[in-house]
């Protein structure tokens, strides 16, 4: 509630000081905040489906709150999408073009880049995300009641089909809501780029939530000794994956030297955007990459929590680098409305998440892999299956808590 009140205050101040361009600034600031929390929900949905596809054991305790985050897609995130629909013509220049004299880039992307196409894509995306998140959580909660095997098979089936649908719809959504800000530009890697950043920030969020619930004694008895190590290792992996995709996109476009592609990067080398790009290169990749190289630090809370908070900042700056040069081509501007829209959405989404979390068991009570996640039974005692790192399967030495410091 405090975040939402602070967000409203910042928005009011921002609308006053923005002058004649207040609604342009509000539209872009709202889009920036929306894409930030869309990435968080999308990353959570991916982690849930990946859990079922790999039949993972160690991730059972963290699956429930990931299901709750993914369930925020509808109706809450869809509700936050309404202002984007209202200010669509302010955000997207292609909507303001004369349909009889449209440029070649826009004509080549018909009928997707049309008003009906814009709304149809939004309906398809939110409908798909709602269906997947709703069904996965429904069968997860159903298994809490019955303990039957059928929910496990259902969740595997939805994840198998859902991973394809997720990839398609997330790419469509990012194309229509971010790359469409400059419709002449195109990149076949942009969907993967957004996905990599989304999973990266969700893993950092999952680490902090796990730590909080562990310290409160909610997940303590069901956490494996190396739970934090596994999450930290995935965070490290997606740090590298994000850097690979981002560099590959830049290298291919710059090496191809086609004006239809390179203008996007040329704009982002003007003014202070250049310095922000350097911050992203070193802060989004090199710093977390070097910080996560050591194995032992992944279980040190005083070390990892500030690093997870750093990922939120870097992800926000990365999205700003993608969205805001359209409005501020001469350099980065941190506006009151940027802060206000983000705080309002952060408070609103956190409030809805806590309501969902409070209304259900904190972890899957009767998941067949839960005992393996606790470290009591290792049919194949390996790091991947959730077994001990020292390959020990003695029940007497199985851990009773997460083991973080």
Protein backbone atom coordinates (compact mmCIF):
# COMPACT_ATOMS: atom_id res chain seq x y z
CA UNK A 1 0.00 0.00 0.00
CA UNK A 2 2.88 2.37 0.77
CA UNK A 3 4.41 1.63 -2.62
CA UNK A 4 1.14 2.35 -4.38
CA UNK A 5 0.62 5.61 -2.48
CA UNK A 6 4.20 6.67 -3.24
CA UNK A 7 3.65 5.76 -6.88
CA UNK A 8 0.53 7.94 -7.10
CA UNK A 9 2.40 10.86 -5.50
CA UNK A 10 5.29 10.54 -7.97
CA UNK A 11 2.85 10.29 -10.89
CA UNK A 12 1.03 13.46 -9.83
CA UNK A 13 4.33 15.33 -9.45
CA UNK A 14 5.50 14.00 -12.80
CA UNK A 15 2.34 15.10 -14.61
CA UNK A 16 2.76 18.59 -13.18
CA UNK A 17 6.44 19.04 -14.04
CA UNK A 18 6.26 17.35 -17.46
CA UNK A 19 4.46 20.27 -19.05
CA UNK A 20 2.85 19.87 -22.46
CA UNK A 21 4.44 16.46 -23.05
CA UNK A 22 3.04 15.00 -19.86
CA UNK A 23 0.88 12.38 -21.55
CA UNK A 24 3.66 11.30 -23.91
CA UNK A 25 5.95 10.83 -20.93
CA UNK A 26 3.24 9.03 -18.96
CA UNK A 27 2.57 6.62 -21.84
CA UNK A 28 6.24 5.63 -22.20
CA UNK A 29 6.78 5.44 -18.44
CA UNK A 30 3.76 3.18 -18.08
CA UNK A 31 4.96 0.95 -20.92
CA UNK A 32 8.37 0.68 -19.26
CA UNK A 33 6.86 -0.43 -15.95
CA UNK A 34 4.47 -2.81 -17.66
CA UNK A 35 7.23 -4.56 -19.64
CA UNK A 36 9.25 -4.90 -16.43
CA UNK A 37 6.52 -6.78 -14.59
CA UNK A 38 5.51 -8.68 -17.72
CA UNK A 39 9.04 -10.07 -17.76
CA UNK A 40 8.72 -11.14 -14.11
CA UNK A 41 5.46 -13.01 -14.73
CA UNK A 42 6.78 -14.53 -17.95
CA UNK A 43 9.94 -15.77 -16.24
CA UNK A 44 7.87 -17.36 -13.46
CA UNK A 45 5.67 -19.17 -15.98
CA UNK A 46 8.76 -20.47 -17.77
CA UNK A 47 10.30 -21.77 -14.52
CA UNK A 48 7.11 -23.65 -13.65
CA UNK A 49 6.93 -25.30 -17.07
CA UNK A 50 10.66 -26.09 -17.05
CA UNK A 51 10.18 -27.78 -13.66
CA UNK A 52 7.60 -30.16 -15.13
CA UNK A 53 9.43 -30.75 -18.41
CA UNK A 54 12.63 -31.78 -16.63
CA UNK A 55 10.71 -33.62 -13.88
CA UNK A 56 12.86 -31.71 -11.42
CA UNK A 57 12.97 -32.53 -7.75
CA UNK A 58 14.97 -29.71 -6.18
CA UNK A 59 12.62 -26.97 -7.47
CA UNK A 60 9.43 -28.35 -5.88
CA UNK A 61 9.52 -26.02 -2.82
CA UNK A 62 9.83 -22.86 -4.94
CA UNK A 63 7.26 -23.92 -7.53
CA UNK A 64 4.19 -22.73 -5.65
CA UNK A 65 5.14 -19.06 -5.34
CA UNK A 66 6.31 -19.13 -8.98
CA UNK A 67 2.81 -20.36 -9.86
CA UNK A 68 1.32 -17.42 -7.98
CA UNK A 69 3.56 -14.92 -9.78
CA UNK A 70 2.63 -16.44 -13.14
CA UNK A 71 -1.06 -16.27 -12.23
CA UNK A 72 -0.81 -12.48 -12.03
CA UNK A 73 -0.97 -12.45 -15.83
CA UNK A 74 -4.74 -12.36 -15.71
CA UNK A 75 -6.61 -10.34 -14.76
CA UNK A 76 -4.11 -8.10 -12.96
CA UNK A 77 -1.39 -7.64 -15.57
CA UNK A 78 -4.08 -7.46 -18.27
CA UNK A 79 -5.64 -4.63 -16.26
CA UNK A 80 -2.30 -2.78 -16.30
CA UNK A 81 -2.27 -3.19 -20.08
CA UNK A 82 -5.38 -1.00 -20.47
CA UNK A 83 -3.48 2.34 -20.37
CA UNK A 84 -1.23 1.03 -23.15
CA UNK A 85 -4.32 0.41 -25.26
CA UNK A 86 -5.60 3.91 -24.43
CA UNK A 87 -2.28 5.59 -25.35
CA UNK A 88 -1.43 3.24 -28.21
CA UNK A 89 -1.45 5.99 -30.85
CA UNK A 90 0.81 8.09 -28.65
CA UNK A 91 3.29 5.24 -28.26
CA UNK A 92 3.37 3.73 -31.72
CA UNK A 93 4.08 6.01 -34.68
CA UNK A 94 2.88 3.40 -37.17
CA UNK A 95 -0.66 3.83 -35.88
CA UNK A 96 -0.56 7.49 -36.88
CA UNK A 97 0.53 6.86 -40.46
CA UNK A 98 -1.83 7.31 -43.39
CA UNK A 99 -2.81 3.77 -44.48
CA UNK A 100 -2.71 4.90 -48.12
CA UNK A 101 0.87 6.24 -47.88
CA UNK A 102 2.55 3.87 -45.43
CA UNK A 103 6.30 3.24 -45.70
CA UNK A 104 7.77 0.02 -47.04
CA UNK A 105 8.70 -1.37 -43.61
CA UNK A 106 5.15 -1.04 -42.37
CA UNK A 107 3.66 -2.41 -45.56
CA UNK A 108 5.91 -5.47 -45.32
CA UNK A 109 4.53 -6.24 -41.85
CA UNK A 110 0.87 -6.28 -42.80
CA UNK A 111 -1.58 -7.42 -41.56
CA UNK A 112 0.12 -7.79 -38.16
CA UNK A 113 0.85 -4.08 -37.78
CA UNK A 114 -2.75 -2.93 -38.05
CA UNK A 115 -5.19 -1.81 -35.40
CA UNK A 116 -7.11 -5.13 -35.51
CA UNK A 117 -3.78 -6.99 -35.47
CA UNK A 118 -2.65 -5.08 -32.37
CA UNK A 119 -5.76 -6.03 -30.40
CA UNK A 120 -5.86 -9.62 -31.69
CA UNK A 121 -2.24 -10.20 -30.64
CA UNK A 122 -2.98 -8.82 -27.16
CA UNK A 123 -6.01 -11.10 -26.78
CA UNK A 124 -4.07 -14.15 -27.99
CA UNK A 125 -1.13 -13.44 -25.69
CA UNK A 126 -3.09 -12.80 -22.51
CA UNK A 127 -5.50 -15.63 -23.31
CA UNK A 128 -2.62 -18.09 -23.72
CA UNK A 129 -0.80 -16.92 -20.60
CA UNK A 130 -3.98 -17.07 -18.55
CA UNK A 131 -4.79 -20.57 -19.80
CA UNK A 132 -1.33 -21.95 -19.04
CA UNK A 133 -0.86 -20.31 -15.65
CA UNK A 134 -4.40 -21.13 -14.56
CA UNK A 135 -4.26 -24.80 -15.56
CA UNK A 136 -0.82 -25.40 -14.09
CA UNK A 137 -1.78 -23.90 -10.75
CA UNK A 138 -5.20 -25.61 -10.78
CA UNK A 139 -3.70 -29.08 -11.09
CA UNK A 140 -0.97 -28.24 -8.62
CA UNK A 141 -3.56 -27.28 -6.00
CA UNK A 142 -5.66 -30.30 -6.95
CA UNK A 143 -2.73 -32.55 -6.12
CA UNK A 144 -2.54 -30.96 -2.68
CA UNK A 145 -6.02 -32.34 -2.01
CA UNK A 146 -5.83 -35.79 -3.60
CA UNK A 147 -2.17 -36.71 -3.87
CA UNK A 148 -3.03 -38.51 -7.12
CA UNK A 149 -0.67 -39.00 -10.04
CA UNK A 150 -3.08 -37.53 -12.61
CA UNK A 151 -2.24 -33.88 -11.76
CA UNK A 152 1.44 -34.59 -12.41
CA UNK A 153 0.66 -36.01 -15.85
CA UNK A 154 -1.64 -33.07 -16.61
CA UNK A 155 0.99 -30.52 -15.61
CA UNK A 156 3.58 -32.26 -17.77
CA UNK A 157 1.21 -32.20 -20.73
CA UNK A 158 0.37 -28.51 -20.30
CA UNK A 159 4.06 -27.69 -19.94
CA UNK A 160 4.98 -29.65 -23.06
CA UNK A 161 2.45 -27.80 -25.21
CA UNK A 162 2.75 -24.60 -23.21
CA UNK A 163 6.47 -24.13 -23.79
CA UNK A 164 5.85 -23.77 -27.52
CA UNK A 165 2.87 -21.48 -26.98
CA UNK A 166 4.85 -19.43 -24.47
CA UNK A 167 7.73 -18.91 -26.91
CA UNK A 168 5.39 -17.82 -29.70
CA UNK A 169 3.19 -15.51 -27.65
CA UNK A 170 6.03 -13.89 -25.71
CA UNK A 171 7.81 -13.13 -28.98
CA UNK A 172 4.61 -11.73 -30.50
CA UNK A 173 3.93 -9.58 -27.46
CA UNK A 174 7.45 -8.15 -27.33
CA UNK A 175 7.40 -7.41 -31.06
CA UNK A 176 4.05 -5.61 -30.88
CA UNK A 177 4.73 -3.67 -27.67
CA UNK A 178 8.48 -2.91 -27.79
CA UNK A 179 10.02 -3.26 -31.26
CA UNK A 180 6.90 -1.64 -32.74
CA UNK A 181 7.99 1.61 -31.09
CA UNK A 182 10.30 1.85 -34.13
CA UNK A 183 8.50 -0.33 -36.62
CA UNK A 184 11.21 -0.03 -39.29
CA UNK A 185 13.59 -2.05 -37.12
CA UNK A 186 13.55 -5.82 -36.88
CA UNK A 187 15.55 -8.53 -35.17
CA UNK A 188 14.95 -12.25 -35.20
CA UNK A 189 16.66 -12.57 -31.78
CA UNK A 190 14.66 -9.98 -29.88
CA UNK A 191 12.16 -12.44 -28.44
CA UNK A 192 14.97 -14.62 -27.08
CA UNK A 193 16.73 -11.54 -25.74
CA UNK A 194 13.64 -10.48 -23.76
CA UNK A 195 13.11 -14.04 -22.54
CA UNK A 196 16.69 -14.27 -21.26
CA UNK A 197 16.33 -11.06 -19.26
CA UNK A 198 12.94 -12.15 -17.95
CA UNK A 199 14.18 -15.46 -16.58
CA UNK A 200 17.27 -13.76 -15.19
CA UNK A 201 15.30 -11.32 -13.04
CA UNK A 202 12.78 -14.00 -12.00
CA UNK A 203 15.55 -16.27 -10.72
CA UNK A 204 16.92 -13.40 -8.63
CA UNK A 205 13.43 -12.74 -7.28
CA UNK A 206 12.91 -16.44 -6.53
CA UNK A 207 16.19 -16.50 -4.58
CA UNK A 208 15.10 -13.62 -2.33
CA UNK A 209 11.57 -14.98 -1.78
CA UNK A 210 13.01 -18.41 -0.91
CA UNK A 211 15.38 -16.83 1.59
CA UNK A 212 12.56 -14.83 3.23
CA UNK A 213 10.28 -17.87 3.52
CA UNK A 214 13.17 -19.94 4.83
CA UNK A 215 13.95 -17.41 7.55
CA UNK A 216 10.28 -17.27 8.50
CA UNK A 217 10.28 -21.05 8.86
CA UNK A 218 7.72 -21.57 6.09
CA UNK A 219 9.94 -23.55 3.69
CA UNK A 220 12.69 -24.56 6.08
CA UNK A 221 11.69 -28.22 6.42
CA UNK A 222 11.28 -28.81 2.69
CA UNK A 223 14.41 -27.08 1.40
CA UNK A 224 17.38 -29.12 0.30
CA UNK A 225 20.83 -28.23 1.56
CA UNK A 226 21.90 -26.97 -1.86
CA UNK A 227 18.70 -25.17 -2.84
CA UNK A 228 20.34 -21.78 -2.98
CA UNK A 229 23.27 -23.15 -4.90
CA UNK A 230 20.94 -24.46 -7.62
CA UNK A 231 19.06 -21.16 -7.98
CA UNK A 232 22.34 -19.24 -7.98
CA UNK A 233 23.77 -21.54 -10.64
CA UNK A 234 20.77 -20.92 -12.89
CA UNK A 235 21.14 -17.18 -12.27
CA UNK A 236 24.76 -17.48 -13.36
CA UNK A 237 23.76 -19.48 -16.45
CA UNK A 238 21.20 -16.92 -17.57
CA UNK A 239 23.69 -14.11 -16.96
CA UNK A 240 25.87 -15.72 -19.61
CA UNK A 241 22.92 -16.60 -21.87
CA UNK A 242 21.63 -13.02 -21.82
CA UNK A 243 25.09 -11.68 -22.69
CA UNK A 244 25.44 -14.18 -25.53
CA UNK A 245 22.07 -13.31 -27.09
CA UNK A 246 22.56 -9.56 -26.66
CA UNK A 247 26.04 -9.58 -28.19
CA UNK A 248 24.97 -11.90 -31.00
CA UNK A 249 22.12 -9.55 -31.95
CA UNK A 250 24.45 -6.54 -31.93
CA UNK A 251 27.26 -8.29 -33.80
CA UNK A 252 25.05 -9.63 -36.60
CA UNK A 253 23.23 -6.32 -37.13
CA UNK A 254 26.38 -4.20 -37.02
CA UNK A 255 28.33 -6.58 -39.22
CA UNK A 256 25.48 -6.70 -41.78
CA UNK A 257 25.54 -2.86 -41.87
CA UNK A 258 22.00 -2.48 -43.20
CA UNK A 259 20.45 0.95 -42.44
CA UNK A 260 17.07 -0.69 -41.67
CA UNK A 261 18.75 -2.45 -38.75
CA UNK A 262 21.70 -0.31 -37.64
CA UNK A 263 19.69 2.89 -37.09
CA UNK A 264 18.32 1.35 -33.89
CA UNK A 265 21.81 1.13 -32.38
CA UNK A 266 22.95 4.46 -33.86
CA UNK A 267 20.17 6.21 -31.93
CA UNK A 268 21.30 4.49 -28.73
CA UNK A 269 24.84 5.78 -29.07
CA UNK A 270 23.79 9.42 -28.84
CA UNK A 271 24.33 11.50 -25.73
CA UNK A 272 24.19 9.72 -22.41
CA UNK A 273 22.65 6.63 -24.00
CA UNK A 274 26.22 5.61 -24.82
CA UNK A 275 27.19 5.73 -21.14
CA UNK A 276 24.08 3.80 -20.17
CA UNK A 277 25.00 1.10 -22.69
CA UNK A 278 28.40 0.80 -20.98
CA UNK A 279 26.66 0.51 -17.60
CA UNK A 280 24.54 -2.33 -18.99
CA UNK A 281 27.54 -4.13 -20.49
CA UNK A 282 29.53 -4.07 -17.26
CA UNK A 283 26.64 -4.09 -14.77
CA UNK A 284 24.32 -6.55 -16.50
CA UNK A 285 27.02 -9.05 -17.44
CA UNK A 286 30.56 -8.60 -16.10
CA UNK A 287 29.69 -7.75 -12.51
CA UNK A 288 27.16 -10.59 -11.88
CA UNK A 289 29.28 -12.98 -13.97
CA UNK A 290 32.37 -12.41 -11.83
CA UNK A 291 30.32 -12.23 -8.63
CA UNK A 292 28.72 -15.65 -9.22
CA UNK A 293 31.84 -17.53 -10.31
CA UNK A 294 32.60 -18.83 -6.82
CA UNK A 295 30.51 -21.80 -5.71
CA UNK A 296 30.34 -20.98 -2.00
CA UNK A 297 28.96 -17.43 -2.34
CA UNK A 298 25.66 -18.68 -3.73
CA UNK A 299 24.55 -19.60 -0.20
CA UNK A 300 25.67 -16.39 1.50
CA UNK A 301 22.59 -14.20 1.92
CA UNK A 302 24.48 -11.00 2.76
CA UNK A 303 26.28 -11.41 -0.55
CA UNK A 304 23.47 -12.65 -2.78
CA UNK A 305 20.59 -10.39 -1.73
CA UNK A 306 22.34 -7.14 -2.79
CA UNK A 307 23.31 -8.89 -6.03
CA UNK A 308 19.67 -9.85 -6.63
CA UNK A 309 18.61 -6.25 -6.00
CA UNK A 310 21.28 -5.22 -8.50
CA UNK A 311 19.68 -7.45 -11.13
CA UNK A 312 16.39 -5.55 -10.74
CA UNK A 313 18.20 -2.24 -11.33
CA UNK A 314 20.08 -3.56 -14.36
CA UNK A 315 16.96 -5.08 -15.87
CA UNK A 316 15.11 -1.80 -15.45
CA UNK A 317 17.96 0.14 -17.10
CA UNK A 318 18.11 -2.43 -19.89
CA UNK A 319 14.41 -1.98 -20.65
CA UNK A 320 14.85 1.80 -20.47
CA UNK A 321 17.64 1.49 -23.04
CA UNK A 322 15.20 -0.30 -25.33
CA UNK A 323 12.13 1.89 -24.85
CA UNK A 324 13.04 5.42 -23.83
CA UNK A 325 15.35 6.57 -26.68
CA UNK A 326 12.20 6.94 -28.80
CA UNK A 327 10.98 9.67 -26.45
CA UNK A 328 14.38 11.05 -25.35
CA UNK A 329 16.73 10.58 -28.34
CA UNK A 330 19.48 12.83 -26.93
CA UNK A 331 20.12 11.02 -23.66
CA UNK A 332 18.76 9.09 -20.70
CA UNK A 333 16.24 10.90 -18.50
CA UNK A 334 14.99 9.43 -15.22
CA UNK A 335 11.60 11.11 -14.93
CA UNK A 336 9.26 11.36 -11.98
CA UNK A 337 6.72 9.41 -13.98
CA UNK A 338 9.19 6.56 -14.55
CA UNK A 339 9.56 6.12 -10.81
CA UNK A 340 5.88 6.65 -10.09
CA UNK A 341 4.56 4.14 -12.62
CA UNK A 342 7.06 1.51 -11.46
CA UNK A 343 6.25 2.02 -7.76
CA UNK A 344 2.51 1.87 -8.41
CA UNK A 345 2.82 -1.38 -10.35
CA UNK A 346 5.27 -2.87 -7.83
CA UNK A 347 2.88 -2.20 -4.96
CA UNK A 348 -0.15 -3.44 -6.88
CA UNK A 349 1.49 -6.67 -8.09
CA UNK A 350 3.02 -7.37 -4.67
CA UNK A 351 -0.35 -6.86 -3.01
CA UNK A 352 -2.06 -9.30 -5.39
CA UNK A 353 0.77 -11.82 -5.01
CA UNK A 354 0.51 -11.79 -1.21
CA UNK A 355 -3.25 -12.32 -1.41
CA UNK A 356 -2.75 -15.33 -3.70
CA UNK A 357 0.03 -16.69 -1.50
CA UNK A 358 -2.00 -16.36 1.68
CA UNK A 359 -4.94 -18.27 0.21
CA UNK A 360 -3.10 -21.52 -0.61
CA UNK A 361 -0.51 -23.91 0.89
CA UNK A 362 3.00 -22.41 0.69
CA UNK A 363 4.43 -25.34 -1.28
CA UNK A 364 3.09 -28.43 -3.12
CA UNK A 365 2.10 -30.62 -0.19
CA UNK A 366 1.77 -33.95 -2.02
CA UNK A 367 4.09 -33.59 -4.97
CA UNK A 368 5.80 -36.97 -5.60
CA UNK A 369 9.17 -35.24 -5.78
CA UNK A 370 8.83 -33.34 -2.51
CA UNK A 371 10.69 -35.92 -0.42
CA UNK A 372 13.51 -35.85 -2.96
CA UNK A 373 13.60 -32.07 -2.75
CA UNK A 374 14.10 -32.41 1.01
CA UNK A 375 17.11 -34.64 0.44
CA UNK A 376 15.67 -37.77 2.06
CA UNK A 377 15.53 -40.02 -0.97
CA UNK A 378 17.78 -39.97 -4.00
CA UNK A 379 16.97 -42.63 -6.60
CA UNK A 380 19.76 -41.15 -8.72
CA UNK A 381 21.95 -39.17 -6.29
CA UNK A 382 23.22 -36.47 -8.62
CA UNK A 383 23.25 -32.70 -8.50
CA UNK A 384 20.63 -32.53 -11.24
CA UNK A 385 18.10 -34.77 -9.50
CA UNK A 386 18.51 -32.96 -6.19
CA UNK A 387 20.91 -35.42 -4.60
CA UNK A 388 23.84 -34.56 -2.38
CA UNK A 389 26.83 -32.94 -4.01
CA UNK A 390 29.01 -35.58 -2.35
CA UNK A 391 26.81 -38.36 -3.83
CA UNK A 392 25.67 -39.45 -0.37
CA UNK A 393 22.21 -40.96 -0.02
CA UNK A 394 22.21 -41.77 3.68
CA UNK A 395 18.89 -40.74 5.19
CA UNK A 396 20.50 -39.95 8.54
CA UNK A 397 22.58 -37.15 6.99
CA UNK A 398 19.78 -35.63 4.93
CA UNK A 399 19.43 -31.90 5.63
CA UNK A 400 16.44 -30.41 7.37
CA UNK A 401 16.87 -26.84 6.16
CA UNK A 402 18.18 -24.67 3.32
CA UNK A 403 21.61 -24.17 4.80
CA UNK A 404 22.03 -20.53 3.69
CA UNK A 405 24.02 -18.07 5.76
